[in-house]
Amino acid sequence: MNLGNVLPVCSACRCTPPEGLTGGIWLKGLFLCGDCLKNLSEWQENERPYLLLKESLAGLWRHHPAWRQHLAYGGKS
């Protein structure tokens, strides 16, 4: 059993911030680093961080169907 430190991995860029847990925020089980939070509004839907975050959120919602009631549907259904 490894009793070492557990560091977060960003759901968008897949990196661990140098600050560890204090280098971002947790959203319903997903971690977003400060750099990705800062750049989130500038991402295009074909960029890798956007696609990785979208995939992570989709997986989270798939495993917690009750959260779907809080989603606002738009675009594709």
N, C-alpha and C. Protein backbone atom coordinates (compact mmCIF):
# COMPACT_ATOMS: atom_id res chain seq x y z
N MET A 1 0.85 -1.18 0.00
CA MET A 1 0.00 0.00 0.00
C MET A 1 0.89 1.23 0.00
N ASN A 2 0.60 2.16 -0.91
CA ASN A 2 1.35 3.40 -1.00
C ASN A 2 0.68 4.45 -0.12
N LEU A 3 1.41 4.95 0.85
CA LEU A 3 0.86 5.95 1.76
C LEU A 3 1.39 7.34 1.45
N GLY A 4 1.88 7.54 0.21
CA GLY A 4 2.41 8.84 -0.20
C GLY A 4 1.32 9.86 -0.43
N ASN A 5 1.74 11.03 -0.84
CA ASN A 5 0.80 12.12 -1.12
C ASN A 5 -0.04 11.80 -2.34
N VAL A 6 -1.28 12.24 -2.32
CA VAL A 6 -2.16 12.11 -3.46
C VAL A 6 -2.31 13.52 -4.05
N LEU A 7 -1.96 13.65 -5.33
CA LEU A 7 -2.04 14.95 -5.98
C LEU A 7 -3.15 14.95 -7.02
N PRO A 8 -3.83 16.08 -7.20
CA PRO A 8 -4.92 16.15 -8.17
C PRO A 8 -4.38 16.21 -9.60
N VAL A 9 -5.18 15.73 -10.53
CA VAL A 9 -4.88 15.83 -11.95
C VAL A 9 -6.04 16.58 -12.59
N CYS A 10 -5.73 17.63 -13.31
CA CYS A 10 -6.76 18.46 -13.94
C CYS A 10 -7.52 17.65 -14.98
N SER A 11 -8.84 17.78 -14.98
CA SER A 11 -9.69 17.06 -15.92
C SER A 11 -9.60 17.61 -17.33
N ALA A 12 -9.05 18.81 -17.50
CA ALA A 12 -8.96 19.42 -18.82
C ALA A 12 -7.58 19.24 -19.44
N CYS A 13 -6.52 19.56 -18.71
CA CYS A 13 -5.16 19.49 -19.29
C CYS A 13 -4.40 18.24 -18.85
N ARG A 14 -4.95 17.51 -17.89
CA ARG A 14 -4.35 16.27 -17.37
C ARG A 14 -3.00 16.50 -16.68
N CYS A 15 -2.80 17.72 -16.18
CA CYS A 15 -1.57 18.06 -15.45
C CYS A 15 -1.87 18.21 -13.96
N THR A 16 -0.84 18.11 -13.16
CA THR A 16 -0.94 18.36 -11.73
C THR A 16 -0.32 19.73 -11.46
N PRO A 17 -1.07 20.66 -10.87
CA PRO A 17 -0.49 21.97 -10.61
C PRO A 17 0.59 21.88 -9.54
N PRO A 18 1.61 22.72 -9.63
CA PRO A 18 2.69 22.71 -8.63
C PRO A 18 2.19 22.93 -7.21
N GLU A 19 1.06 23.65 -7.08
CA GLU A 19 0.50 23.94 -5.75
C GLU A 19 -0.31 22.79 -5.19
N GLY A 20 -0.49 21.73 -5.97
CA GLY A 20 -1.28 20.59 -5.51
C GLY A 20 -2.75 20.95 -5.40
N LEU A 21 -3.39 20.54 -4.33
CA LEU A 21 -4.83 20.77 -4.15
C LEU A 21 -5.23 22.23 -4.13
N THR A 22 -4.32 23.10 -3.72
CA THR A 22 -4.65 24.52 -3.66
C THR A 22 -4.50 25.21 -5.02
N GLY A 23 -4.08 24.47 -6.04
CA GLY A 23 -3.86 25.04 -7.36
C GLY A 23 -5.05 24.96 -8.29
N GLY A 24 -6.25 24.80 -7.76
CA GLY A 24 -7.45 24.72 -8.59
C GLY A 24 -8.68 24.50 -7.73
N ILE A 25 -9.75 24.01 -8.36
CA ILE A 25 -10.98 23.76 -7.61
C ILE A 25 -11.53 22.38 -7.97
N TRP A 26 -12.33 21.84 -7.04
CA TRP A 26 -13.04 20.57 -7.26
C TRP A 26 -14.47 20.90 -7.65
N LEU A 27 -14.97 20.25 -8.70
CA LEU A 27 -16.36 20.40 -9.14
C LEU A 27 -16.99 19.02 -9.20
N LYS A 28 -17.79 18.68 -8.22
CA LYS A 28 -18.51 17.40 -8.23
C LYS A 28 -17.61 16.22 -8.58
N GLY A 29 -16.42 16.18 -8.02
CA GLY A 29 -15.52 15.06 -8.25
C GLY A 29 -14.51 15.28 -9.36
N LEU A 30 -14.56 16.41 -10.05
CA LEU A 30 -13.59 16.74 -11.08
C LEU A 30 -12.72 17.89 -10.59
N PHE A 31 -11.44 17.83 -10.90
CA PHE A 31 -10.52 18.89 -10.51
C PHE A 31 -10.17 19.72 -11.74
N LEU A 32 -10.21 21.04 -11.60
CA LEU A 32 -9.77 21.96 -12.64
C LEU A 32 -8.66 22.83 -12.07
N CYS A 33 -7.52 22.85 -12.76
CA CYS A 33 -6.39 23.65 -12.27
C CYS A 33 -6.64 25.13 -12.53
N GLY A 34 -5.90 25.97 -11.86
CA GLY A 34 -6.05 27.42 -11.99
C GLY A 34 -5.82 27.92 -13.40
N ASP A 35 -4.85 27.36 -14.10
CA ASP A 35 -4.58 27.79 -15.47
C ASP A 35 -5.77 27.50 -16.39
N CYS A 36 -6.35 26.32 -16.26
CA CYS A 36 -7.51 25.98 -17.09
C CYS A 36 -8.72 26.82 -16.71
N LEU A 37 -8.91 27.09 -15.44
CA LEU A 37 -10.01 27.96 -15.01
C LEU A 37 -9.86 29.35 -15.63
N LYS A 38 -8.64 29.84 -15.65
CA LYS A 38 -8.37 31.17 -16.19
C LYS A 38 -8.65 31.23 -17.69
N ASN A 39 -8.37 30.15 -18.40
CA ASN A 39 -8.50 30.14 -19.86
C ASN A 39 -9.79 29.50 -20.37
N LEU A 40 -10.62 29.01 -19.48
CA LEU A 40 -11.83 28.27 -19.85
C LEU A 40 -12.72 29.01 -20.85
N SER A 41 -12.92 30.28 -20.65
CA SER A 41 -13.84 31.04 -21.52
C SER A 41 -13.27 31.27 -22.91
N GLU A 42 -11.98 31.02 -23.11
CA GLU A 42 -11.35 31.24 -24.41
C GLU A 42 -11.25 29.97 -25.25
N TRP A 43 -11.58 28.82 -24.68
CA TRP A 43 -11.44 27.56 -25.41
C TRP A 43 -12.45 27.48 -26.56
N GLN A 44 -12.01 26.86 -27.63
CA GLN A 44 -12.89 26.54 -28.75
C GLN A 44 -13.31 25.08 -28.58
N GLU A 45 -14.46 24.71 -29.15
CA GLU A 45 -14.99 23.37 -28.92
C GLU A 45 -14.18 22.26 -29.57
N ASN A 46 -13.20 22.58 -30.40
CA ASN A 46 -12.35 21.55 -31.00
C ASN A 46 -10.98 21.46 -30.34
N GLU A 47 -10.74 22.24 -29.28
CA GLU A 47 -9.45 22.21 -28.59
C GLU A 47 -9.40 21.06 -27.58
N ARG A 48 -8.22 20.52 -27.40
CA ARG A 48 -8.03 19.35 -26.53
C ARG A 48 -8.54 19.56 -25.10
N PRO A 49 -8.19 20.66 -24.41
CA PRO A 49 -8.70 20.82 -23.03
C PRO A 49 -10.22 20.81 -22.96
N TYR A 50 -10.86 21.46 -23.92
CA TYR A 50 -12.33 21.48 -23.96
C TYR A 50 -12.87 20.06 -24.12
N LEU A 51 -12.31 19.32 -25.06
CA LEU A 51 -12.78 17.96 -25.33
C LEU A 51 -12.56 17.04 -24.14
N LEU A 52 -11.41 17.18 -23.46
CA LEU A 52 -11.13 16.35 -22.28
C LEU A 52 -12.09 16.68 -21.14
N LEU A 53 -12.35 17.96 -20.92
CA LEU A 53 -13.27 18.35 -19.86
C LEU A 53 -14.69 17.88 -20.19
N LYS A 54 -15.09 18.03 -21.43
CA LYS A 54 -16.42 17.58 -21.85
C LYS A 54 -16.56 16.08 -21.63
N GLU A 55 -15.53 15.32 -21.98
CA GLU A 55 -15.54 13.86 -21.78
C GLU A 55 -15.63 13.52 -20.29
N SER A 56 -14.88 14.23 -19.46
CA SER A 56 -14.91 13.98 -18.02
C SER A 56 -16.28 14.28 -17.43
N LEU A 57 -16.87 15.41 -17.84
CA LEU A 57 -18.20 15.76 -17.34
C LEU A 57 -19.26 14.77 -17.81
N ALA A 58 -19.15 14.33 -19.05
CA ALA A 58 -20.11 13.35 -19.57
C ALA A 58 -20.04 12.05 -18.77
N GLY A 59 -18.83 11.61 -18.45
CA GLY A 59 -18.67 10.40 -17.65
C GLY A 59 -19.23 10.56 -16.26
N LEU A 60 -19.03 11.74 -15.67
CA LEU A 60 -19.55 12.01 -14.34
C LEU A 60 -21.07 11.99 -14.35
N TRP A 61 -21.68 12.63 -15.33
CA TRP A 61 -23.14 12.67 -15.41
C TRP A 61 -23.72 11.29 -15.74
N ARG A 62 -22.99 10.50 -16.51
CA ARG A 62 -23.45 9.15 -16.84
C ARG A 62 -23.56 8.29 -15.59
N HIS A 63 -22.65 8.50 -14.64
CA HIS A 63 -22.64 7.69 -13.43
C HIS A 63 -23.51 8.28 -12.31
N HIS A 64 -24.02 9.47 -12.51
CA HIS A 64 -24.88 10.12 -11.52
C HIS A 64 -26.09 10.72 -12.22
N PRO A 65 -27.03 9.88 -12.71
CA PRO A 65 -28.16 10.37 -13.50
C PRO A 65 -29.03 11.41 -12.79
N ALA A 66 -29.06 11.41 -11.48
CA ALA A 66 -29.90 12.38 -10.77
C ALA A 66 -29.45 13.82 -11.03
N TRP A 67 -28.19 14.01 -11.37
CA TRP A 67 -27.68 15.36 -11.65
C TRP A 67 -28.24 15.92 -12.94
N ARG A 68 -28.74 15.07 -13.82
CA ARG A 68 -29.24 15.52 -15.12
C ARG A 68 -30.39 16.49 -14.99
N GLN A 69 -31.14 16.43 -13.91
CA GLN A 69 -32.27 17.34 -13.74
C GLN A 69 -31.81 18.78 -13.60
N HIS A 70 -30.53 19.00 -13.30
CA HIS A 70 -30.01 20.35 -13.11
C HIS A 70 -29.40 20.92 -14.39
N LEU A 71 -29.41 20.16 -15.48
CA LEU A 71 -28.82 20.61 -16.73
C LEU A 71 -29.81 21.43 -17.54
N ALA A 72 -29.31 22.42 -18.22
CA ALA A 72 -30.12 23.19 -19.16
C ALA A 72 -29.79 22.66 -20.55
N TYR A 73 -30.76 22.15 -21.25
CA TYR A 73 -30.53 21.58 -22.57
C TYR A 73 -30.53 22.67 -23.62
N GLY A 74 -29.62 22.57 -24.53
CA GLY A 74 -29.55 23.51 -25.65
C GLY A 74 -28.79 22.86 -26.78
N GLY A 75 -29.01 23.30 -27.97
CA GLY A 75 -28.31 22.74 -29.12
C GLY A 75 -28.76 21.32 -29.40
N LYS A 76 -27.82 20.40 -29.40
CA LYS A 76 -28.12 19.01 -29.70
C LYS A 76 -28.87 18.37 -28.53
N SER A 77 -29.78 17.47 -28.82
CA SER A 77 -30.50 16.78 -27.73
C SER A 77 -30.23 15.31 -27.77
